[in-house]
Amino acid sequence: MDDQPLTDSGNADPHGAESPDADRDRVRSDDATPARRFSKMTAAVLGVALVVIGLDLLTKVVAVATLDPQRPIEIIGDVVTLRLVRNSGAAFSLASGYTWVLTIIALVVVAVIIRYSSRLKSWGWAVGLALVLGGAIGNLIDRVFRAPEPLQGHVVDFISVGWWPVFNIADSAVVCGAILLVVLSALGFDYDGSRTGWAARRNKHDNSEDGGSTHA
């Protein structure tokens, strides 16, 4: 009787083809590499966030150095003014007096966004999360390093528009990013690049017309 070649049933079949389990193992191995974890989306999120942080820090430094809290500067009458305020609360002076709680929340938000940014496959979501990340870090820097004490520092606000509470660049970035994410979700553009609802119907309609495809 001829000897039969031995095969590893977990990795190959008698015909020499690799099993589906081997393919899945290879995919998992590829996904685990540092190069894949630090994706282009992660780089984009960090890049946009750094721009927001830089603008926020620069404008706050200028505001503290040039604005007198008792003498607001009128830009458009008394509707838009530059008014220096020290805020112990969240964006737009909300939750004043809970600085240490807001600091912890900001740290959690930053960690979660950075952790999951590599899973993004939608540029819209990348921009939205980057704005939220940059704004959160911008105000977090104030809470960690500014007076009256570490982790309970007051945030520098200096932009006043009408009846709206005084805010800063970081606040604007957080709000704009959050609005963008809500709109994308409502339209059906998911963070992983998939589409549901209106976005899926629109994509199907476009493909039926010209055979092409679009990406969020």
Protein backbone atom coordinates (compact mmCIF):
# COMPACT_ATOMS: atom_id res chain seq x y z
CA MET A 1 0.00 0.00 0.00
CA ASP A 2 1.34 3.41 -0.95
CA ASP A 3 2.03 5.82 1.84
CA GLN A 4 -0.41 8.75 1.89
CA PRO A 5 0.95 12.29 2.57
CA LEU A 6 0.05 13.56 5.98
CA THR A 7 -1.95 16.79 6.15
CA ASP A 8 -2.76 19.22 8.92
CA SER A 9 -6.54 19.30 8.89
CA GLY A 10 -6.54 22.68 10.66
CA ASN A 11 -4.52 24.49 7.97
CA ALA A 12 -4.73 22.66 4.63
CA ASP A 13 -6.83 20.17 2.71
CA PRO A 14 -5.59 17.10 0.74
CA HIS A 15 -5.57 19.18 -2.47
CA GLY A 16 -2.97 21.57 -1.08
CA ALA A 17 -5.33 24.50 -0.57
CA GLU A 18 -5.28 26.40 2.67
CA SER A 19 -8.35 26.15 4.87
CA PRO A 20 -10.66 29.09 5.68
CA ASP A 21 -9.26 29.00 9.23
CA ALA A 22 -5.78 29.71 7.88
CA ASP A 23 -7.12 32.68 5.92
CA ARG A 24 -8.79 34.09 9.01
CA ASP A 25 -5.59 33.63 11.02
CA ARG A 26 -3.66 35.55 8.37
CA VAL A 27 -6.21 38.40 8.39
CA ARG A 28 -6.06 38.64 12.16
CA SER A 29 -2.26 38.65 12.01
CA ASP A 30 -2.27 41.44 9.42
CA ASP A 31 -4.75 43.51 11.41
CA ALA A 32 -2.56 43.23 14.49
CA THR A 33 0.44 44.92 12.91
CA PRO A 34 1.26 48.46 14.13
CA ALA A 35 1.14 49.77 10.55
CA ARG A 36 -2.48 48.68 10.14
CA ARG A 37 -3.53 49.95 13.57
CA PHE A 38 -2.10 53.39 12.83
CA SER A 39 -4.17 53.94 9.72
CA LYS A 40 -4.51 56.93 7.44
CA MET A 41 -7.73 57.75 9.27
CA THR A 42 -5.91 57.86 12.59
CA ALA A 43 -3.29 60.17 11.10
CA ALA A 44 -6.04 62.42 9.69
CA VAL A 45 -7.86 62.56 13.03
CA LEU A 46 -4.67 63.47 14.89
CA GLY A 47 -3.65 66.02 12.24
CA VAL A 48 -6.94 67.92 12.31
CA ALA A 49 -7.03 67.71 16.11
CA LEU A 50 -3.54 69.23 16.34
CA VAL A 51 -4.62 72.15 14.15
CA VAL A 52 -7.60 72.80 16.43
CA ILE A 53 -5.41 72.57 19.54
CA GLY A 54 -2.85 74.97 18.05
CA LEU A 55 -5.48 77.56 17.10
CA ASP A 56 -7.15 77.24 20.50
CA LEU A 57 -3.92 77.70 22.45
CA LEU A 58 -2.76 80.61 20.28
CA THR A 59 -6.03 82.52 20.56
CA LYS A 60 -6.19 81.96 24.33
CA VAL A 61 -2.65 83.24 24.82
CA VAL A 62 -3.45 86.35 22.79
CA ALA A 63 -6.74 86.86 24.63
CA VAL A 64 -5.14 86.64 28.08
CA ALA A 65 -2.32 88.99 27.06
CA THR A 66 -4.45 91.67 25.40
CA LEU A 67 -8.00 91.64 26.80
CA ASP A 68 -9.13 93.41 29.94
CA PRO A 69 -11.98 91.49 31.64
CA GLN A 70 -13.62 94.82 32.48
CA ARG A 71 -13.34 96.28 28.96
CA PRO A 72 -14.77 94.06 26.21
CA ILE A 73 -13.81 94.93 22.65
CA GLU A 74 -16.71 95.43 20.25
CA ILE A 75 -16.33 93.73 16.87
CA ILE A 76 -19.87 94.18 15.51
CA GLY A 77 -21.50 96.66 17.84
CA ASP A 78 -22.47 94.94 21.07
CA VAL A 79 -23.60 91.80 19.21
CA VAL A 80 -20.14 90.30 18.68
CA THR A 81 -17.51 91.20 21.26
CA LEU A 82 -14.25 89.90 22.69
CA ARG A 83 -14.82 89.46 26.43
CA LEU A 84 -12.30 87.67 28.65
CA VAL A 85 -13.96 85.19 31.03
CA ARG A 86 -12.58 82.40 33.23
CA ASN A 87 -14.93 79.43 33.04
CA SER A 88 -14.96 76.60 35.60
CA GLY A 89 -17.62 74.69 33.66
CA ALA A 90 -18.04 72.96 30.33
CA ALA A 91 -18.57 74.45 26.89
CA PHE A 92 -20.52 77.72 26.95
CA SER A 93 -20.16 77.98 30.77
CA LEU A 94 -22.36 74.95 31.44
CA ALA A 95 -21.90 72.85 34.63
CA SER A 96 -19.84 75.47 36.44
CA GLY A 97 -18.25 74.17 39.61
CA TYR A 98 -17.71 70.62 38.34
CA THR A 99 -14.25 71.13 36.86
CA TRP A 100 -12.74 67.88 38.16
CA VAL A 101 -15.67 65.85 36.80
CA LEU A 102 -15.37 67.53 33.41
CA THR A 103 -11.63 66.83 33.42
CA ILE A 104 -12.24 63.11 33.91
CA ILE A 105 -14.92 63.08 31.20
CA ALA A 106 -12.58 64.87 28.78
CA LEU A 107 -9.81 62.33 29.45
CA VAL A 108 -12.20 59.45 28.75
CA VAL A 109 -13.44 61.08 25.53
CA VAL A 110 -9.88 61.64 24.31
CA ALA A 111 -8.85 58.05 25.09
CA VAL A 112 -11.91 56.54 23.38
CA ILE A 113 -11.54 58.62 20.20
CA ILE A 114 -7.84 57.82 19.85
CA ARG A 115 -8.46 54.13 20.61
CA TYR A 116 -11.14 53.65 17.97
CA SER A 117 -9.89 56.06 15.29
CA SER A 118 -8.13 53.21 13.48
CA ARG A 119 -11.52 51.59 12.82
CA LEU A 120 -12.83 54.58 10.89
CA LYS A 121 -13.48 54.22 7.17
CA SER A 122 -15.45 57.44 6.66
CA TRP A 123 -13.66 60.75 6.12
CA GLY A 124 -16.70 62.62 7.39
CA TRP A 125 -16.56 60.77 10.68
CA ALA A 126 -12.81 61.31 10.85
CA VAL A 127 -13.25 65.08 10.58
CA GLY A 128 -16.10 65.14 13.10
CA LEU A 129 -14.22 63.10 15.68
CA ALA A 130 -11.06 65.14 15.07
CA LEU A 131 -12.91 68.38 15.85
CA VAL A 132 -14.32 66.88 19.05
CA LEU A 133 -10.89 65.49 20.00
CA GLY A 134 -9.06 68.76 19.35
CA GLY A 135 -11.66 70.78 21.27
CA ALA A 136 -11.66 68.38 24.20
CA ILE A 137 -7.86 68.47 24.46
CA GLY A 138 -7.78 72.25 24.08
CA ASN A 139 -10.02 72.81 27.09
CA LEU A 140 -8.43 69.90 28.95
CA ILE A 141 -5.07 71.69 28.80
CA ASP A 142 -6.65 74.66 30.56
CA ARG A 143 -8.20 72.47 33.25
CA VAL A 144 -4.92 70.68 33.91
CA PHE A 145 -2.49 73.60 33.86
CA ARG A 146 -4.32 76.88 34.54
CA ALA A 147 -5.23 78.49 37.86
CA PRO A 148 -6.55 78.03 40.47
CA GLU A 149 -4.96 74.55 40.75
CA PRO A 150 -4.00 71.49 38.66
CA LEU A 151 -6.94 69.44 37.33
CA GLN A 152 -9.32 72.21 38.44
CA GLY A 153 -8.12 75.05 36.23
CA HIS A 154 -10.57 77.49 34.70
CA VAL A 155 -10.97 77.54 30.92
CA VAL A 156 -10.27 80.78 29.05
CA ASP A 157 -13.32 81.99 27.09
CA PHE A 158 -13.31 85.20 25.08
CA ILE A 159 -15.84 85.14 22.19
CA SER A 160 -19.27 86.62 22.90
CA VAL A 161 -22.06 86.51 20.31
CA GLY A 162 -25.39 88.08 21.29
CA TRP A 163 -27.13 86.26 24.12
CA TRP A 164 -24.98 83.15 23.65
CA PRO A 165 -22.65 82.32 26.56
CA VAL A 166 -19.00 83.29 26.07
CA PHE A 167 -16.97 80.56 24.35
CA ASN A 168 -13.63 79.78 22.68
CA ILE A 169 -12.22 77.95 19.65
CA ALA A 170 -12.22 74.59 21.46
CA ASP A 171 -15.91 74.94 22.35
CA SER A 172 -16.72 75.75 18.72
CA ALA A 173 -14.78 72.71 17.49
CA VAL A 174 -16.57 70.36 19.90
CA VAL A 175 -20.01 71.65 18.94
CA CYS A 176 -19.30 71.67 15.17
CA GLY A 177 -17.82 68.17 15.35
CA ALA A 178 -20.78 66.84 17.32
CA ILE A 179 -23.26 68.39 14.88
CA LEU A 180 -21.39 66.85 11.94
CA LEU A 181 -21.49 63.39 13.55
CA VAL A 182 -25.21 63.69 14.29
CA VAL A 183 -25.93 64.73 10.69
CA LEU A 184 -23.86 61.88 9.27
CA SER A 185 -25.62 59.37 11.52
CA ALA A 186 -29.06 60.77 10.66
CA LEU A 187 -28.32 60.52 6.92
CA GLY A 188 -27.05 56.96 7.26
CA PHE A 189 -23.30 57.44 6.83
CA ASP A 190 -21.71 55.08 9.37
CA TYR A 191 -18.22 55.33 10.84
CA ASP A 192 -17.11 52.07 9.16
CA GLY A 193 -17.95 53.36 5.68
CA SER A 194 -21.22 51.45 5.40
CA ARG A 195 -24.48 53.18 4.54
CA THR A 196 -28.02 52.79 5.75
CA GLY A 197 -31.28 54.66 5.31
CA TRP A 198 -31.13 57.71 3.04
CA ALA A 199 -27.43 57.31 2.24
CA ALA A 200 -27.91 53.71 1.09
CA ARG A 201 -30.90 54.62 -1.07
CA ARG A 202 -29.02 57.55 -2.61
CA ASN A 203 -25.98 55.40 -3.32
CA LYS A 204 -28.14 52.72 -4.94
CA HIS A 205 -29.85 55.35 -7.08
CA ASP A 206 -26.52 56.84 -8.22
CA ASN A 207 -25.13 53.42 -9.07
CA SER A 208 -28.21 52.52 -11.09
CA GLU A 209 -27.81 55.69 -13.17
CA ASP A 210 -24.11 55.60 -14.05
CA GLY A 211 -22.74 52.36 -12.64
CA GLY A 212 -20.36 54.30 -10.38
CA SER A 213 -20.05 54.49 -6.65
CA THR A 214 -19.49 57.24 -4.12
CA HIS A 215 -17.77 57.27 -0.79
CA ALA A 216 -18.67 59.20 2.35
